């Protein structure tokens, strides 16, 4: 038999007739009128080339062929109801899944401690993996499922197939050594530009925002050090006279790692930190749970 000829609704009709052994009662149980039920019974008989149900006192009775089909049809319909049509469910306490987040190294500093603590409580067998990559690769990773979410500032992820949700508003702060005496609040623009600066040039975009604002103001500062990563910055700043202008949450994290002072810069630049995901994962209960947890942890 060609499976393309099988209408799943006919199996539902067959099951109802087995249970109720009456065309009228079976039709009422599945919401079909008696004429519609009779027409459906005719199609079932044609499908299996057998009468299947014959008239008897008080209704109909199954033929030997119908009795042989009863259990296989019930198994098929049960599988469809419980495995195909059932609402997807996710139990975080039972999962051993690895979640992959795209975030720059500063994102790891800002997000991972609190995220790991929450996972330990709610999904103790889950693991986290982070990736850092340029914007074109981020699109491909989310689209392919290689990554679950991107968290940070990724203004390129604006196409219709990507979703995003704001987490919090961030801005910049200046970090200097605790014994740095050349700068004190309020930091004037003149002193800021005359100071010696350490600049991080990562793949992320928050750094670009501050640099663009400097150019817009026609400001040129003295850059004595340029490095690709944030993680070495606290030790460098604590042991030098350099100034580093970093995202505010990162500055506060750095102040816990080294002897630093934090100063407000001479002008403010702010931006939204967001989480991004692809439409393929929009209704996935696992991804929904992960997004909800991150939003609860970090939204302002």
Protein backbone atom coordinates (compact mmCIF):
# COMPACT_ATOMS: atom_id res chain seq x y z
CA UNK A 1 0.00 0.00 0.00
CA UNK A 2 1.23 3.47 -0.91
CA UNK A 3 1.60 5.39 2.37
CA UNK A 4 0.83 8.66 0.58
CA UNK A 5 -2.78 7.41 0.22
CA UNK A 6 -3.27 7.23 3.98
CA UNK A 7 -5.20 10.06 5.60
CA UNK A 8 -4.42 10.09 9.31
CA UNK A 9 -7.99 11.17 10.01
CA UNK A 10 -9.21 7.84 8.67
CA UNK A 11 -7.23 6.07 11.39
CA UNK A 12 -9.00 8.29 13.96
CA UNK A 13 -12.33 7.23 12.44
CA UNK A 14 -11.26 3.59 12.63
CA UNK A 15 -10.24 3.95 16.29
CA UNK A 16 -13.57 5.63 17.21
CA UNK A 17 -15.56 2.85 15.54
CA UNK A 18 -13.56 0.23 17.42
CA UNK A 19 -14.27 1.95 20.72
CA UNK A 20 -17.94 2.84 20.27
CA UNK A 21 -19.08 0.16 17.78
CA UNK A 22 -21.71 2.55 16.46
CA UNK A 23 -21.44 4.90 13.52
CA UNK A 24 -23.56 7.52 15.29
CA UNK A 25 -21.76 7.36 18.65
CA UNK A 26 -18.31 7.24 17.02
CA UNK A 27 -19.15 10.29 14.89
CA UNK A 28 -20.34 12.22 17.93
CA UNK A 29 -17.14 11.36 19.82
CA UNK A 30 -14.88 12.83 17.11
CA UNK A 31 -17.17 15.64 15.99
CA UNK A 32 -18.55 14.23 12.72
CA UNK A 33 -22.18 14.05 11.64
CA UNK A 34 -23.63 10.64 10.78
CA UNK A 35 -23.44 11.29 6.98
CA UNK A 36 -19.83 12.45 7.30
CA UNK A 37 -19.00 9.45 9.45
CA UNK A 38 -20.59 7.07 6.95
CA UNK A 39 -18.58 8.66 4.14
CA UNK A 40 -15.39 8.32 6.19
CA UNK A 41 -16.18 4.64 6.91
CA UNK A 42 -16.54 4.07 3.18
CA UNK A 43 -13.07 5.54 2.63
CA UNK A 44 -11.57 3.40 5.40
CA UNK A 45 -13.09 0.27 3.82
CA UNK A 46 -11.65 1.24 0.45
CA UNK A 47 -8.25 1.91 1.98
CA UNK A 48 -8.00 -1.54 3.57
CA UNK A 49 -10.12 -3.38 1.00
CA UNK A 50 -12.29 -4.89 3.74
CA UNK A 51 -15.75 -4.16 5.25
CA UNK A 52 -13.99 -3.69 8.64
CA UNK A 53 -17.29 -3.07 10.48
CA UNK A 54 -20.53 -4.93 9.78
CA UNK A 55 -24.02 -4.26 11.01
CA UNK A 56 -25.05 -5.94 14.26
CA UNK A 57 -27.63 -5.47 16.97
CA UNK A 58 -27.22 -1.98 18.42
CA UNK A 59 -24.50 -0.89 16.02
CA UNK A 60 -21.56 -2.46 14.19
CA UNK A 61 -19.00 -5.14 14.95
CA UNK A 62 -15.37 -5.37 13.74
CA UNK A 63 -14.37 -7.97 11.18
CA UNK A 64 -11.35 -10.21 11.69
CA UNK A 65 -9.30 -7.75 9.59
CA UNK A 66 -10.38 -4.84 11.80
CA UNK A 67 -9.45 -6.77 14.94
CA UNK A 68 -6.01 -7.49 13.48
CA UNK A 69 -5.52 -3.79 12.69
CA UNK A 70 -6.75 -2.56 16.08
CA UNK A 71 -3.49 -2.69 18.03
CA UNK A 72 -1.20 -1.34 15.25
CA UNK A 73 -3.58 1.57 14.62
CA UNK A 74 -3.70 2.39 18.34
CA UNK A 75 0.11 2.37 18.53
CA UNK A 76 0.41 4.69 15.53
CA UNK A 77 -2.11 7.17 16.91
CA UNK A 78 -0.58 7.06 20.39
CA UNK A 79 2.85 7.81 18.95
CA UNK A 80 1.46 10.75 16.97
CA UNK A 81 -0.34 12.14 20.02
CA UNK A 82 2.48 11.68 22.53
CA UNK A 83 5.56 12.26 20.38
CA UNK A 84 4.51 14.34 17.37
CA UNK A 85 1.64 16.50 18.58
CA UNK A 86 2.52 16.78 22.26
CA UNK A 87 3.84 20.16 23.40
CA UNK A 88 7.61 20.10 23.68
CA UNK A 89 8.85 20.02 27.27
CA UNK A 90 12.23 20.88 28.75
CA UNK A 91 13.39 19.91 32.23
CA UNK A 92 16.54 21.88 33.07
CA UNK A 93 17.37 19.70 36.07
CA UNK A 94 17.50 16.63 33.84
CA UNK A 95 19.49 18.09 30.97
CA UNK A 96 23.19 17.49 30.33
CA UNK A 97 23.20 19.78 27.33
CA UNK A 98 26.06 22.13 26.47
CA UNK A 99 24.91 25.70 25.78
CA UNK A 100 27.01 27.78 23.41
CA UNK A 101 27.09 31.57 23.74
CA UNK A 102 28.80 34.00 21.41
CA UNK A 103 30.28 36.85 23.42
CA UNK A 104 33.59 38.75 23.49
CA UNK A 105 36.05 38.19 26.32
CA UNK A 106 34.55 41.10 28.23
CA UNK A 107 31.21 39.31 28.00
CA UNK A 108 32.76 36.32 29.71
CA UNK A 109 33.85 38.55 32.58
CA UNK A 110 30.45 40.20 32.89
CA UNK A 111 28.12 37.27 32.33
CA UNK A 112 29.73 33.95 33.21
CA UNK A 113 30.07 34.17 37.02
CA UNK A 114 26.36 34.85 37.59
CA UNK A 115 25.25 32.57 34.76
CA UNK A 116 27.28 29.63 36.09
CA UNK A 117 25.87 30.15 39.59
CA UNK A 118 22.32 30.08 38.20
CA UNK A 119 23.02 26.97 36.13
CA UNK A 120 24.44 25.19 39.17
CA UNK A 121 21.12 25.75 40.91
CA UNK A 122 18.69 25.08 38.05
CA UNK A 123 20.56 22.88 35.55
CA UNK A 124 23.42 21.28 37.49
CA UNK A 125 24.45 18.91 34.69
CA UNK A 126 24.49 21.53 31.94
CA UNK A 127 27.68 23.08 30.61
CA UNK A 128 28.54 26.42 28.99
CA UNK A 129 30.83 27.04 26.03
CA UNK A 130 31.67 30.53 24.75
CA UNK A 131 32.82 31.61 21.32
CA UNK A 132 34.24 34.89 20.04
CA UNK A 133 33.98 35.55 16.32
CA UNK A 134 33.54 38.36 13.77
CA UNK A 135 29.98 39.46 12.83
CA UNK A 136 29.61 37.46 9.56
CA UNK A 137 30.56 34.26 11.37
CA UNK A 138 28.06 35.03 14.15
CA UNK A 139 25.18 34.95 11.67
CA UNK A 140 26.28 31.57 10.33
CA UNK A 141 26.78 30.09 13.80
CA UNK A 142 23.30 31.09 14.99
CA UNK A 143 21.68 30.04 11.73
CA UNK A 144 23.33 26.60 11.75
CA UNK A 145 22.67 25.94 15.43
CA UNK A 146 26.36 25.90 16.28
CA UNK A 147 25.57 28.63 18.83
CA UNK A 148 22.42 29.14 20.88
CA UNK A 149 22.67 32.88 21.59
CA UNK A 150 24.85 35.91 21.01
CA UNK A 151 25.10 38.24 23.99
CA UNK A 152 26.62 41.70 23.71
CA UNK A 153 26.55 44.52 21.17
CA UNK A 154 26.02 43.10 17.67
CA UNK A 155 24.31 45.76 15.54
CA UNK A 156 24.82 43.72 12.37
CA UNK A 157 22.27 41.11 13.51
CA UNK A 158 19.30 43.10 12.23
CA UNK A 159 17.96 40.90 9.42
CA UNK A 160 14.39 39.66 9.62
CA UNK A 161 15.40 36.12 10.55
CA UNK A 162 17.10 37.26 13.77
CA UNK A 163 15.40 38.19 17.03
CA UNK A 164 16.85 40.34 19.79
CA UNK A 165 15.97 41.43 23.31
CA UNK A 166 17.48 44.27 25.29
CA UNK A 167 19.18 43.33 28.57
CA UNK A 168 20.62 46.55 30.03
CA UNK A 169 22.04 49.97 29.27
CA UNK A 170 25.82 50.21 29.52
CA UNK A 171 28.27 53.10 29.33
CA UNK A 172 32.01 53.72 29.80
CA UNK A 173 34.26 54.41 32.75
CA UNK A 174 37.97 55.17 33.13
CA UNK A 175 40.19 52.76 35.06
CA UNK A 176 43.52 53.95 36.51
CA UNK A 177 45.97 52.60 39.08
CA UNK A 178 44.94 53.22 42.67
CA UNK A 179 48.03 55.40 43.17
CA UNK A 180 47.54 57.34 39.91
CA UNK A 181 47.61 61.04 40.93
CA UNK A 182 47.37 62.81 37.57
CA UNK A 183 43.64 62.25 37.21
CA UNK A 184 40.86 62.89 39.67
CA UNK A 185 37.16 63.50 39.33
CA UNK A 186 35.82 65.40 37.62
CA UNK A 187 38.14 64.43 34.75
CA UNK A 188 38.42 67.34 32.36
CA UNK A 189 38.64 66.69 28.64
CA UNK A 190 42.04 68.43 28.57
CA UNK A 191 43.55 66.15 31.22
CA UNK A 192 41.91 63.11 29.67
CA UNK A 193 43.49 63.78 26.28
CA UNK A 194 46.90 64.56 27.80
CA UNK A 195 47.00 61.33 29.78
CA UNK A 196 48.61 58.15 28.44
CA UNK A 197 46.06 55.59 27.34
CA UNK A 198 45.81 51.84 26.92
CA UNK A 199 43.35 50.88 24.20
CA UNK A 200 41.77 47.50 23.56
CA UNK A 201 40.83 46.70 19.95
CA UNK A 202 38.71 43.51 20.13
CA UNK A 203 36.26 41.97 17.68
CA UNK A 204 33.36 43.45 19.67
CA UNK A 205 31.71 46.78 18.92
CA UNK A 206 31.48 48.64 22.26
CA UNK A 207 35.07 49.90 21.89
CA UNK A 208 34.21 51.29 18.45
CA UNK A 209 31.45 53.44 19.96
CA UNK A 210 33.85 55.34 22.19
CA UNK A 211 36.40 55.72 19.40
CA UNK A 212 33.74 57.11 17.07
CA UNK A 213 32.70 59.65 19.70
CA UNK A 214 36.32 60.81 20.06
CA UNK A 215 36.55 61.30 16.29
CA UNK A 216 33.22 63.12 16.23
CA UNK A 217 34.57 65.57 18.80
CA UNK A 218 37.88 65.89 16.89
CA UNK A 219 39.68 64.59 19.99
CA UNK A 220 43.09 62.93 19.76
CA UNK A 221 44.49 61.16 22.83
CA UNK A 222 47.92 59.75 23.52
CA UNK A 223 47.79 56.00 23.00
CA UNK A 224 50.84 54.26 24.44
CA UNK A 225 49.50 50.71 24.39
CA UNK A 226 47.10 48.89 22.07
CA UNK A 227 46.19 45.27 22.80
CA UNK A 228 43.59 42.83 21.35
CA UNK A 229 42.14 41.49 24.63
CA UNK A 230 40.71 42.89 27.85
CA UNK A 231 41.85 40.15 30.21
CA UNK A 232 45.43 41.41 30.59
CA UNK A 233 44.30 44.99 31.20
CA UNK A 234 43.77 45.05 35.02
CA UNK A 235 47.36 44.01 35.80
CA UNK A 236 48.77 46.41 33.20
CA UNK A 237 46.78 49.41 34.45
CA UNK A 238 47.49 48.69 38.14
CA UNK A 239 51.25 48.72 37.47
CA UNK A 240 51.41 51.77 35.20
CA UNK A 241 50.30 55.35 34.71
CA UNK A 242 48.00 54.37 31.82
CA UNK A 243 44.29 55.10 31.58
CA UNK A 244 41.86 52.54 30.12
CA UNK A 245 38.35 53.53 29.11
CA UNK A 246 36.20 50.39 29.30
CA UNK A 247 32.53 49.42 29.52
CA UNK A 248 31.24 50.27 32.98
CA UNK A 249 30.38 46.73 34.10
CA UNK A 250 33.84 45.58 33.05
CA UNK A 251 35.47 48.42 34.96
CA UNK A 252 33.75 47.35 38.17
CA UNK A 253 34.80 43.75 37.55
CA UNK A 254 38.41 44.88 36.99
CA UNK A 255 38.38 46.85 40.25
CA UNK A 256 37.80 43.56 42.08
CA UNK A 257 40.81 41.97 40.39
CA UNK A 258 43.44 44.69 40.83
CA UNK A 259 44.14 47.89 42.75
CA UNK A 260 42.33 50.35 40.50
CA UNK A 261 40.35 53.56 40.78
CA UNK A 262 37.35 54.20 38.57
CA UNK A 263 36.67 57.69 37.23
CA UNK A 264 33.85 59.12 35.16
CA UNK A 265 35.09 60.09 31.67
CA UNK A 266 34.73 63.70 30.46
CA UNK A 267 31.78 62.75 28.25
CA UNK A 268 29.23 59.96 28.23
CA UNK A 269 28.70 57.29 25.58
CA UNK A 270 26.07 54.64 26.25
CA UNK A 271 24.75 51.58 24.44
CA UNK A 272 22.32 48.69 24.90
CA UNK A 273 23.57 45.17 25.59
CA UNK A 274 21.24 42.62 24.00
CA UNK A 275 20.81 38.91 23.42
CA UNK A 276 20.27 37.70 19.85
CA UNK A 277 18.96 34.42 18.41
CA UNK A 278 17.91 32.96 15.06
CA UNK A 279 14.31 32.29 14.09
CA UNK A 280 15.04 28.54 13.98
CA UNK A 281 15.33 28.61 17.78
CA UNK A 282 12.59 31.12 18.51
CA UNK A 283 10.06 28.57 19.83
CA UNK A 284 12.51 25.91 20.92
CA UNK A 285 11.70 25.35 24.64
CA UNK A 286 15.38 24.91 25.48
CA UNK A 287 16.33 28.21 23.86
CA UNK A 288 13.29 29.94 25.37
CA UNK A 289 14.37 28.78 28.83
CA UNK A 290 17.96 29.94 28.28
CA UNK A 291 16.86 33.37 27.02
CA UNK A 292 14.44 33.81 29.92
CA UNK A 293 17.14 32.94 32.45
CA UNK A 294 19.65 35.38 30.94
CA UNK A 295 17.05 38.14 30.83
CA UNK A 296 16.13 37.55 34.48
CA UNK A 297 19.79 37.68 35.49
CA UNK A 298 20.90 40.77 33.60
CA UNK A 299 18.02 43.04 32.64
CA UNK A 300 17.95 46.50 34.22
